[in-house]
Protein backbone atom coordinates (compact mmCIF):
# COMPACT_ATOMS: atom_id res chain seq x y z
CA UNK A 1 -14.12 -14.01 -26.11
CA UNK A 2 -14.47 -11.16 -23.54
CA UNK A 3 -11.95 -8.47 -23.25
CA UNK A 4 -12.17 -5.25 -21.11
CA UNK A 5 -9.92 -2.41 -20.34
CA UNK A 6 -9.52 -2.34 -16.57
CA UNK A 7 -8.68 1.40 -16.12
CA UNK A 8 -8.80 4.67 -17.56
CA UNK A 9 -7.07 8.04 -16.60
CA UNK A 10 -8.83 10.79 -14.53
CA UNK A 11 -7.44 12.93 -11.83
CA UNK A 12 -8.51 14.75 -8.69
CA UNK A 13 -6.45 16.78 -6.22
CA UNK A 14 -5.08 16.50 -2.66
CA UNK A 15 -3.05 18.69 -0.24
CA UNK A 16 -1.66 19.26 3.20
CA UNK A 17 0.40 21.95 5.11
CA UNK A 18 2.21 23.34 8.03
CA UNK A 19 3.03 26.78 9.68
CA UNK A 20 5.57 28.14 12.12
CA UNK A 21 4.72 29.21 15.76
CA UNK A 22 4.73 32.50 17.28
CA UNK A 23 8.66 32.34 17.09
CA UNK A 24 8.14 32.73 13.26
CA UNK A 25 6.59 35.97 11.70
CA UNK A 26 4.31 35.19 8.79
CA UNK A 27 3.12 31.77 7.56
CA UNK A 28 4.37 28.82 5.62
CA UNK A 29 1.72 27.20 3.42
CA UNK A 30 2.10 23.64 2.35
CA UNK A 31 0.05 20.73 0.91
CA UNK A 32 0.21 17.47 -1.00
CA UNK A 33 -2.00 16.42 -4.00
CA UNK A 34 -4.14 13.39 -4.43
CA UNK A 35 -5.08 12.11 -7.93
CA UNK A 36 -6.65 9.08 -9.45
CA UNK A 37 -5.64 6.90 -12.19
CA UNK A 38 -8.84 5.33 -13.31
CA UNK A 39 -9.88 3.03 -10.42
CA UNK A 40 -6.32 3.77 -9.19
CA UNK A 41 -5.79 6.36 -6.52
CA UNK A 42 -2.58 8.26 -6.83
CA UNK A 43 -0.95 10.10 -3.99
CA UNK A 44 1.71 12.79 -4.92
CA UNK A 45 2.66 16.17 -3.53
CA UNK A 46 1.79 19.48 -5.09
CA UNK A 47 1.11 23.11 -4.33
CA UNK A 48 1.51 24.87 -1.01
CA UNK A 49 4.14 26.27 1.29
CA UNK A 50 5.12 29.90 1.59
CA UNK A 51 6.96 31.33 4.79
CA UNK A 52 8.20 34.66 6.07
CA UNK A 53 10.64 34.01 8.88
CA UNK A 54 12.11 36.37 11.57
CA UNK A 55 15.65 36.02 12.94
CA UNK A 56 14.08 34.47 16.09
CA UNK A 57 13.98 31.25 14.20
CA UNK A 58 17.68 31.18 14.88
CA UNK A 59 16.55 29.82 18.39
CA UNK A 60 16.10 26.53 16.61
CA UNK A 61 19.53 26.36 15.09
CA UNK A 62 20.82 22.84 15.21
CA UNK A 63 24.08 23.77 16.67
CA UNK A 64 22.46 24.78 19.96
CA UNK A 65 21.25 21.06 20.51
CA UNK A 66 24.61 19.57 19.93
CA UNK A 67 25.35 16.83 20.40
CA UNK A 68 22.41 15.47 18.40
CA UNK A 69 22.15 11.75 18.55
CA UNK A 70 20.23 10.21 15.62
CA UNK A 71 17.31 8.14 16.91
CA UNK A 72 16.73 4.57 15.45
CA UNK A 73 13.49 4.77 13.59
CA UNK A 74 13.48 1.02 13.21
CA UNK A 75 13.35 0.36 17.07
CA UNK A 76 10.64 3.07 17.36
CA UNK A 77 8.45 1.32 14.70
CA UNK A 78 8.47 -1.77 16.82
CA UNK A 79 6.27 -0.07 19.52
CA UNK A 80 2.51 -0.37 19.10
CA UNK A 81 0.86 3.13 19.13
CA UNK A 82 -2.54 1.79 18.10
CA UNK A 83 -4.07 2.53 21.56
CA UNK A 84 -2.31 6.12 21.86
CA UNK A 85 -3.67 6.89 18.31
CA UNK A 86 -7.18 5.83 19.34
CA UNK A 87 -7.08 7.78 22.58
CA UNK A 88 -5.85 10.90 20.75
CA UNK A 89 -8.66 10.62 18.23
CA UNK A 90 -11.30 10.03 20.92
CA UNK A 91 -10.10 13.22 22.83
CA UNK A 92 -12.51 15.80 21.62
CA UNK A 93 -11.17 18.70 23.69
CA UNK A 94 -13.48 21.75 23.20
CA UNK A 95 -11.32 24.13 25.22
CA UNK A 96 -8.74 26.82 24.10
CA UNK A 97 -5.93 26.25 26.61
CA UNK A 98 -2.73 24.72 25.40
CA UNK A 99 -1.66 23.85 29.12
CA UNK A 100 -5.03 22.08 29.74
CA UNK A 101 -4.91 20.20 26.42
CA UNK A 102 -1.36 19.17 27.19
CA UNK A 103 -2.37 17.94 30.67
CA UNK A 104 -5.26 15.85 29.33
CA UNK A 105 -2.90 14.26 26.68
CA UNK A 106 -0.04 13.61 29.15
CA UNK A 107 -2.53 11.76 31.31
CA UNK A 108 -2.95 9.15 28.57
CA UNK A 109 0.71 8.61 27.82
CA UNK A 110 3.55 7.20 29.85
CA UNK A 111 6.93 7.14 28.01
CA UNK A 112 8.37 10.00 26.07
CA UNK A 113 7.60 8.25 22.83
CA UNK A 114 3.96 7.85 23.82
CA UNK A 115 3.81 11.60 24.73
CA UNK A 116 5.25 12.74 21.50
CA UNK A 117 3.05 10.30 19.61
CA UNK A 118 -0.17 11.42 21.19
CA UNK A 119 0.62 15.04 20.49
CA UNK A 120 1.24 14.08 16.73
CA UNK A 121 -1.93 11.88 16.66
CA UNK A 122 -4.15 14.60 18.36
CA UNK A 123 -2.96 17.38 15.99
CA UNK A 124 -3.26 15.40 12.76
CA UNK A 125 -6.66 14.05 13.72
CA UNK A 126 -8.20 17.29 15.08
CA UNK A 127 -6.73 20.18 13.01
CA UNK A 128 -7.81 20.72 9.58
CA UNK A 129 -5.82 22.28 6.71
CA UNK A 130 -7.07 25.86 5.96
CA UNK A 131 -7.52 25.92 2.17
CA UNK A 132 -8.94 29.49 2.26
CA UNK A 133 -5.75 30.75 4.05
CA UNK A 134 -3.59 28.66 1.84
CA UNK A 135 -4.98 30.32 -1.30
CA UNK A 136 -4.87 33.90 0.25
CA UNK A 137 -1.28 33.34 1.12
CA UNK A 138 -0.15 31.86 -2.16
CA UNK A 139 -1.96 34.08 -4.52
CA UNK A 140 -2.87 37.24 -2.52
CA UNK A 141 0.17 37.47 -0.22
CA UNK A 142 -2.09 37.59 2.81
CA UNK A 143 -0.81 35.35 5.68
CA UNK A 144 -2.91 34.06 8.51
CA UNK A 145 -2.17 34.07 12.16
CA UNK A 146 -0.24 30.88 12.85
CA UNK A 147 0.16 31.41 16.55
CA UNK A 148 -0.39 28.24 18.60
CA UNK A 149 -3.30 29.49 20.64
CA UNK A 150 -5.06 30.77 17.51
CA UNK A 151 -4.57 27.39 15.84
CA UNK A 152 -5.99 25.57 18.86
CA UNK A 153 -8.99 28.01 18.99
CA UNK A 154 -9.81 27.76 15.19
CA UNK A 155 -8.95 23.93 14.63
CA UNK A 156 -7.51 24.89 11.31
CA UNK A 157 -4.27 26.31 9.94
CA UNK A 158 -1.70 26.00 7.38
CA UNK A 159 1.84 24.36 7.92
CA UNK A 160 3.39 26.86 10.22
CA UNK A 161 0.44 26.62 12.47
CA UNK A 162 0.68 22.82 12.61
CA UNK A 163 4.41 22.93 13.68
CA UNK A 164 3.78 25.84 16.12
CA UNK A 165 1.08 23.99 17.82
CA UNK A 166 3.23 20.73 18.04
CA UNK A 167 6.06 22.88 19.62
CA UNK A 168 3.66 24.49 22.17
CA UNK A 169 2.05 21.31 23.34
CA UNK A 170 5.52 19.55 23.63
CA UNK A 171 6.81 22.41 25.75
CA UNK A 172 3.87 22.24 28.06
CA UNK A 173 4.51 18.63 28.61
CA UNK A 174 8.23 19.33 29.18
CA UNK A 175 9.31 17.66 25.97
CA UNK A 176 12.11 18.73 23.71
CA UNK A 177 11.31 19.87 20.22
CA UNK A 178 12.27 22.29 17.47
CA UNK A 179 10.58 23.88 14.61
CA UNK A 180 12.43 23.41 11.32
CA UNK A 181 11.89 25.58 8.09
CA UNK A 182 12.88 24.58 4.67
CA UNK A 183 11.73 23.54 1.28
CA UNK A 184 9.30 20.72 0.80
CA UNK A 185 8.82 19.33 -2.76
CA UNK A 186 5.38 19.79 -4.22
CA UNK A 187 4.35 22.06 -1.15
CA UNK A 188 3.82 25.17 -3.22
CA UNK A 189 3.32 26.25 -6.74
CA UNK A 190 6.42 26.90 -8.85
CA UNK A 191 6.96 30.59 -7.98
CA UNK A 192 10.44 32.05 -7.24
CA UNK A 193 9.51 33.22 -3.80
CA UNK A 194 8.92 29.64 -2.80
CA UNK A 195 12.09 28.29 -3.98
CA UNK A 196 14.11 28.44 -0.84
CA UNK A 197 11.75 28.21 2.11
CA UNK A 198 8.05 26.97 1.73
CA UNK A 199 7.34 24.55 4.60
CA UNK A 200 7.89 23.90 8.32
CA UNK A 201 8.05 20.77 10.44
CA UNK A 202 9.48 19.50 13.63
CA UNK A 203 12.29 17.70 15.18
CA UNK A 204 11.59 15.79 18.58
CA UNK A 205 13.69 14.33 21.28
CA UNK A 206 12.79 10.81 22.62
CA UNK A 207 14.96 9.38 25.23
CA UNK A 208 18.05 11.49 24.40
CA UNK A 209 17.54 10.67 20.58
CA UNK A 210 16.23 12.86 17.83
CA UNK A 211 13.77 12.31 15.21
CA UNK A 212 11.70 14.15 12.54
CA UNK A 213 8.05 14.50 11.84
CA UNK A 214 5.54 16.42 9.96
CA UNK A 215 2.07 17.05 11.36
CA UNK A 216 0.87 18.86 8.23
CA UNK A 217 1.55 15.99 5.85
CA UNK A 218 0.31 13.57 8.43
CA UNK A 219 -3.09 15.15 8.74
CA UNK A 220 -4.59 14.42 5.27
CA UNK A 221 -4.80 15.68 1.71
CA UNK A 222 -6.83 18.03 -0.56
CA UNK A 223 -9.26 16.47 -3.03
CA UNK A 224 -10.77 18.79 -5.59
CA UNK A 225 -10.11 21.85 -3.57
CA UNK A 226 -11.54 20.40 -0.26
CA UNK A 227 -9.40 19.24 2.59
CA UNK A 228 -9.61 15.41 3.09
CA UNK A 229 -8.76 14.20 6.66
CA UNK A 230 -6.52 11.16 6.38
CA UNK A 231 -4.31 10.16 9.45
CA UNK A 232 -0.88 9.07 8.29
CA UNK A 233 1.46 7.64 10.85
CA UNK A 234 4.27 7.56 8.45
CA UNK A 235 5.11 11.12 9.03
CA UNK A 236 5.87 10.45 12.82
CA UNK A 237 9.47 9.69 13.27
CA UNK A 238 9.94 9.16 9.53
CA UNK A 239 13.55 7.67 8.71
CA UNK A 240 15.74 10.44 7.78
CA UNK A 241 17.19 8.74 4.66
CA UNK A 242 13.50 8.79 3.53
CA UNK A 243 12.37 12.12 4.89
CA UNK A 244 15.22 13.74 2.78
CA UNK A 245 13.42 12.62 -0.47
CA UNK A 246 11.00 15.36 0.07
CA UNK A 247 12.02 17.81 2.93
CA UNK A 248 15.11 19.90 2.81
CA UNK A 249 15.84 22.05 5.98
CA UNK A 250 17.36 25.38 5.72
CA UNK A 251 19.69 24.19 8.59
CA UNK A 252 21.25 21.10 7.12
CA UNK A 253 21.98 19.87 10.62
CA UNK A 254 18.35 19.06 10.91
CA UNK A 255 18.72 16.38 8.25
CA UNK A 256 19.77 13.81 10.92
CA UNK A 257 22.09 12.26 8.40
CA UNK A 258 25.75 11.32 8.86
CA UNK A 259 26.27 12.35 5.18
CA UNK A 260 24.18 15.55 4.50
CA UNK A 261 22.92 16.35 1.10
CA UNK A 262 23.41 19.55 -0.72
CA UNK A 263 20.41 21.45 -2.26
CA UNK A 264 21.41 20.35 -5.64
CA UNK A 265 21.53 16.74 -4.62
CA UNK A 266 18.20 16.94 -2.95
CA UNK A 267 16.66 18.35 -6.04
CA UNK A 268 17.82 15.54 -8.17
CA UNK A 269 16.39 12.76 -5.79
CA UNK A 270 13.39 11.00 -7.18
CA UNK A 271 10.01 12.34 -5.93
CA UNK A 272 9.06 9.51 -3.66
CA UNK A 273 5.63 9.25 -1.70
CA UNK A 274 5.07 7.75 1.74
CA UNK A 275 3.14 5.20 -0.03
CA UNK A 276 6.31 3.71 -1.68
CA UNK A 277 7.70 2.95 1.72
CA UNK A 278 4.41 1.76 3.20
CA UNK A 279 4.10 -0.78 0.48
CA UNK A 280 7.63 -2.03 1.20
CA UNK A 281 9.25 -0.95 -2.10
CA UNK A 282 12.84 -0.27 -2.67
CA UNK A 283 14.82 1.47 -5.36
CA UNK A 284 17.17 -0.95 -7.26
CA UNK A 285 18.52 1.66 -9.67
CA UNK A 286 17.56 5.11 -11.11
CA UNK A 287 18.53 6.95 -8.01
CA UNK A 288 18.22 10.45 -9.66
CA UNK A 289 15.09 12.34 -10.55
CA UNK A 290 16.43 13.43 -13.84
CA UNK A 291 17.03 10.58 -16.31
CA UNK A 292 19.07 11.40 -19.53
CA UNK A 293 17.81 8.74 -22.10
CA UNK A 294 19.37 8.21 -25.66
CA UNK A 295 17.06 5.11 -26.19
CA UNK A 296 14.37 3.85 -23.86
CA UNK A 297 14.50 3.82 -20.17
CA UNK A 298 14.25 0.98 -17.72
CA UNK A 299 13.58 1.47 -13.96
CA UNK A 300 13.56 -1.41 -11.47
CA UNK A 301 11.76 -1.43 -8.08
CA UNK A 302 12.22 -4.28 -5.62
CA UNK A 303 8.55 -5.09 -4.58
CA UNK A 304 6.84 -7.68 -2.41
CA UNK A 305 4.98 -10.26 -4.57
CA UNK A 306 1.65 -9.00 -3.55
CA UNK A 307 2.33 -5.54 -5.10
CA UNK A 308 1.06 -4.49 -8.59
CA UNK A 309 1.94 -1.43 -10.66
CA UNK A 310 1.06 0.70 -13.48
CA UNK A 311 2.49 3.79 -14.85
CA UNK A 312 1.82 6.98 -16.96
CA UNK A 313 3.96 9.21 -19.10
CA UNK A 314 3.17 12.73 -19.66
CA UNK A 315 4.55 15.69 -21.96
CA UNK A 316 3.59 19.23 -21.22
CA UNK A 317 0.78 17.70 -18.88
CA UNK A 318 -0.72 15.73 -21.68
CA UNK A 319 -1.06 12.03 -21.20
CA UNK A 320 0.73 9.89 -23.64
CA UNK A 321 -0.58 6.63 -25.27
CA UNK A 322 -0.30 3.33 -23.39
CA UNK A 323 2.33 1.96 -25.77
CA UNK A 324 4.88 4.28 -24.28
CA UNK A 325 4.90 2.36 -20.95
CA UNK A 326 5.24 -1.29 -19.91
CA UNK A 327 5.38 -2.64 -16.43
CA UNK A 328 6.59 -6.06 -16.08
CA UNK A 329 6.95 -8.22 -12.88
CA UNK A 330 10.28 -10.08 -13.05
CA UNK A 331 10.76 -12.17 -9.80
CA UNK A 332 11.23 -9.74 -6.89
CA UNK A 333 11.19 -6.82 -9.13
CA UNK A 334 8.79 -4.52 -10.88
CA UNK A 335 10.47 -3.40 -14.15
CA UNK A 336 9.05 -0.29 -15.79
CA UNK A 337 10.01 0.09 -19.43
CA UNK A 338 9.52 3.67 -21.13
CA UNK A 339 9.58 4.41 -24.69
CA UNK A 340 9.45 8.23 -25.42
CA UNK A 341 8.03 8.81 -28.79
CA UNK A 342 10.37 11.60 -29.75
CA UNK A 343 13.18 13.74 -28.26
CA UNK A 344 12.02 15.97 -25.46
CA UNK A 345 11.18 16.17 -21.69
CA UNK A 346 8.66 13.75 -20.08
CA UNK A 347 7.02 13.19 -16.79
CA UNK A 348 7.02 9.64 -15.60
CA UNK A 349 4.78 8.57 -12.62
CA UNK A 350 4.46 5.06 -11.30
CA UNK A 351 1.68 3.85 -9.21
CA UNK A 352 1.15 0.80 -7.07
CA UNK A 353 -0.99 -1.09 -4.73
CA UNK A 354 -1.49 -4.36 -3.07
CA UNK A 355 -3.00 -6.95 -5.45
CA UNK A 356 -6.04 -7.83 -3.38
CA UNK A 357 -6.58 -4.07 -2.81
CA UNK A 358 -10.07 -3.29 -4.46
CA UNK A 359 -9.39 0.54 -4.11
CA UNK A 360 -7.18 2.78 -6.13
CA UNK A 361 -3.67 2.60 -7.04
CA UNK A 362 -1.49 5.40 -5.50
CA UNK A 363 1.48 7.26 -6.86
CA UNK A 364 4.76 6.02 -5.36
CA UNK A 365 7.45 7.81 -7.39
CA UNK A 366 8.02 10.42 -10.06
CA UNK A 367 10.83 11.07 -12.55
CA UNK A 368 11.74 13.59 -15.25
CA UNK A 369 12.98 11.93 -18.43
CA UNK A 370 14.98 13.82 -20.97
CA UNK A 371 14.81 11.87 -24.37
CA UNK A 372 17.40 12.30 -27.00
CA UNK A 373 15.23 10.69 -29.60
CA UNK A 374 12.33 8.55 -30.49
CA UNK A 375 12.13 4.91 -29.12
CA UNK A 376 10.52 1.77 -30.58
CA UNK A 377 6.89 1.64 -29.44
CA UNK A 378 5.93 -0.75 -26.82
CA UNK A 379 2.87 -3.04 -27.04
CA UNK A 380 -0.41 -1.79 -25.57
CA UNK A 381 -1.08 -3.36 -22.18
CA UNK A 382 -4.43 -3.95 -20.56
CA UNK A 383 -5.39 -3.90 -16.91
CA UNK A 384 -5.49 -7.69 -16.34
CA UNK A 385 -1.86 -7.82 -17.45
CA UNK A 386 -0.98 -5.65 -14.45
CA UNK A 387 -3.51 -7.28 -12.07
CA UNK A 388 -2.22 -10.80 -12.76
CA UNK A 389 1.51 -9.74 -12.76
CA UNK A 390 2.12 -10.89 -16.03
CA UNK A 391 5.72 -10.68 -17.42
CA UNK A 392 6.39 -10.30 -21.06
CA UNK A 393 9.64 -11.59 -22.24
CA UNK A 394 9.10 -11.08 -26.03
CA UNK A 395 8.07 -9.53 -28.33
CA UNK A 396 8.43 -6.14 -26.93
CA UNK A 397 7.85 -3.96 -29.95
CA UNK A 398 4.35 -2.81 -30.69
CA UNK A 399 4.56 -3.34 -34.42
CA UNK A 400 4.96 -6.98 -35.69
CA UNK A 401 6.01 -7.89 -39.23
CA UNK A 402 3.23 -9.39 -41.21
CA UNK A 403 3.73 -12.69 -42.96
CA UNK A 404 6.56 -13.48 -40.41
CA UNK A 405 6.79 -16.12 -37.80
CA UNK A 406 7.05 -14.39 -34.27
CA UNK A 407 8.08 -16.00 -31.07
CA UNK A 408 5.90 -15.39 -28.03
CA UNK A 409 7.28 -15.76 -24.53
CA UNK A 410 5.41 -14.59 -21.41
CA UNK A 411 4.77 -15.62 -17.86
CA UNK A 412 0.99 -15.56 -16.70
CA UNK A 413 0.53 -16.71 -13.35
CA UNK A 414 -2.66 -18.73 -12.59
CA UNK A 415 -3.50 -18.82 -16.45
CA UNK A 416 -4.98 -22.09 -17.71
CA UNK A 417 -4.98 -21.17 -21.33
CA UNK A 418 -3.30 -18.31 -23.31
CA UNK A 419 -4.10 -17.52 -27.03
CA UNK A 420 -2.76 -15.13 -29.61
CA UNK A 421 -5.64 -13.87 -31.73
CA UNK A 422 -5.77 -11.90 -34.97
CA UNK A 423 -8.82 -9.61 -34.42
CA UNK A 424 -9.32 -9.14 -38.29
CA UNK A 425 -9.45 -12.83 -39.29
CA UNK A 426 -10.59 -14.00 -35.67
CA UNK A 427 -7.93 -16.79 -35.84
CA UNK A 428 -6.89 -18.20 -32.53
CA UNK A 429 -3.49 -19.71 -32.07
CA UNK A 430 -2.73 -21.22 -28.45
CA UNK A 431 0.46 -20.93 -26.86
CA UNK A 432 2.29 -23.94 -25.21
CA UNK A 433 1.97 -23.76 -21.45
CA UNK A 434 4.74 -24.98 -19.19
CA UNK A 435 3.50 -24.01 -15.66
CA UNK A 436 3.01 -20.29 -15.76
CA UNK A 437 5.08 -19.89 -18.79
CA UNK A 438 3.43 -19.84 -22.24
CA UNK A 439 5.60 -19.78 -25.47
CA UNK A 440 5.08 -20.54 -29.18
CA UNK A 441 5.80 -19.31 -32.69
CA UNK A 442 2.82 -17.45 -34.37
CA UNK A 443 2.57 -16.47 -38.05
CA UNK A 444 1.56 -12.86 -37.93
CA UNK A 445 -1.07 -11.52 -40.28
CA UNK A 446 -2.35 -8.09 -41.31
CA UNK A 447 -4.26 -6.33 -38.51
CA UNK A 448 -4.18 -6.15 -34.86
CA UNK A 449 -2.84 -9.19 -32.89
CA UNK A 450 -3.94 -9.62 -29.19
CA UNK A 451 -2.80 -11.94 -26.45
CA UNK A 452 -5.58 -13.21 -24.35
CA UNK A 453 -5.87 -15.46 -21.32
CA UNK A 454 -8.35 -17.62 -19.27
CA UNK A 455 -7.47 -17.79 -15.67
CA UNK A 456 -8.48 -20.19 -12.85
CA UNK A 457 -12.08 -19.84 -11.77
CA UNK A 458 -13.20 -17.94 -14.86
CA UNK A 459 -14.74 -18.97 -18.07
CA UNK A 460 -13.78 -15.59 -19.78
CA UNK A 461 -10.84 -14.63 -21.68
CA UNK A 462 -9.30 -11.40 -20.89
CA UNK A 463 -7.06 -9.12 -22.99
CA UNK A 464 -3.46 -8.76 -21.91
CA UNK A 465 -1.44 -7.44 -24.69
CA UNK A 466 -2.16 -5.87 -28.16
CA UNK A 467 0.15 -5.49 -31.13
CA UNK A 468 -0.25 -3.91 -34.62
CA UNK A 469 0.71 -5.38 -37.89
CA UNK A 470 0.97 -3.22 -41.05
CA UNK A 471 2.65 -3.76 -44.31
CA UNK A 472 5.87 -1.72 -44.81
CA UNK A 473 5.24 1.33 -47.10
């Protein structure tokens, strides 16, 4: 019998930011964090965004752009921008003239959509995030020059500089855009001065319709204190009902939503990453960030069949044992069961990836759980449980009663044999297989009990689940 844990926990960091143009005094600092969960990469936002804004920013008040027609992001997604993205990347402009760069970009694009896209693609692939400036702004109240010509000259900036440069290039190409200031989740540390405005981004008009974009978050991330360039098309013309999960404009007219959110409603939306939408996930329930729980918590996500997920639960930044989390595949849904060990406040993070992706999982959504008391512990889950999208129907409690017959019922896709093994006596008991479903009664003995499986194309057995069995004191 061979059994291996397929992942462990470890973390690194990621960030990204934007600044406001010459029309804004001071600078916004913003970024996102990237961590890893074992061989699972987790993307989530943290740290970054401060801004001092002059009254001149009123020039971008949404009331001056009325009527604002909301664009169809679905229609825009049907356009293939692959060539535009490549041309933008290959344009290694070394000059310092905004008008000259705008002319070069405009020569490679035809429609308004292509022109806006090539500006977005050029900035996000040629302007790096300035970590030194971010740290000076956040921790020393020293803000960089975020004027568009300065950003183009230095090829590095923070969030206000990104949005300023976008606006300047769009203006040079006779395209309509606006600079938006507001609050972005995770863009700055939890400091009082960052609670209202800490980030800037842009709105753009394409064929008389308006869209939202964020070149800071589209440019990359920070890993272990260093900027990691990573082009993210997601933040170009992002659907407003997705953008609102992370970006709250000071001027609510720039939400581009028929039903606007209040700041309180925004704060209580789950923290959802771009990866969530890129993987085709949908929320089935738990539409609010804060979850009040008297017992356990169950969260359901609609997910394509090729998506696998894991989760972690923390309290006071301390990772809790695996038996507080269980992620099950149930038909079209991923079901996350959470068992807080005691009353208190907990942070839940869920990570996902495509099943055949050999890289890391990435963080897709975060919740805050306020538990009213302890919940029955869940069994310990091993990596192959998630990788093979196993569904555990029962038993769902970690501790099994010794000298008692317990019914096992689980779905193990592509398994050719499933056994229940007592690790003390080394007694193996096979479960009855009916297609992918394996069931059977097992007489539980003292010691640990594990469920193992052998899959098609392999001679090894892999641990899926582990239970404990102790006598009542």
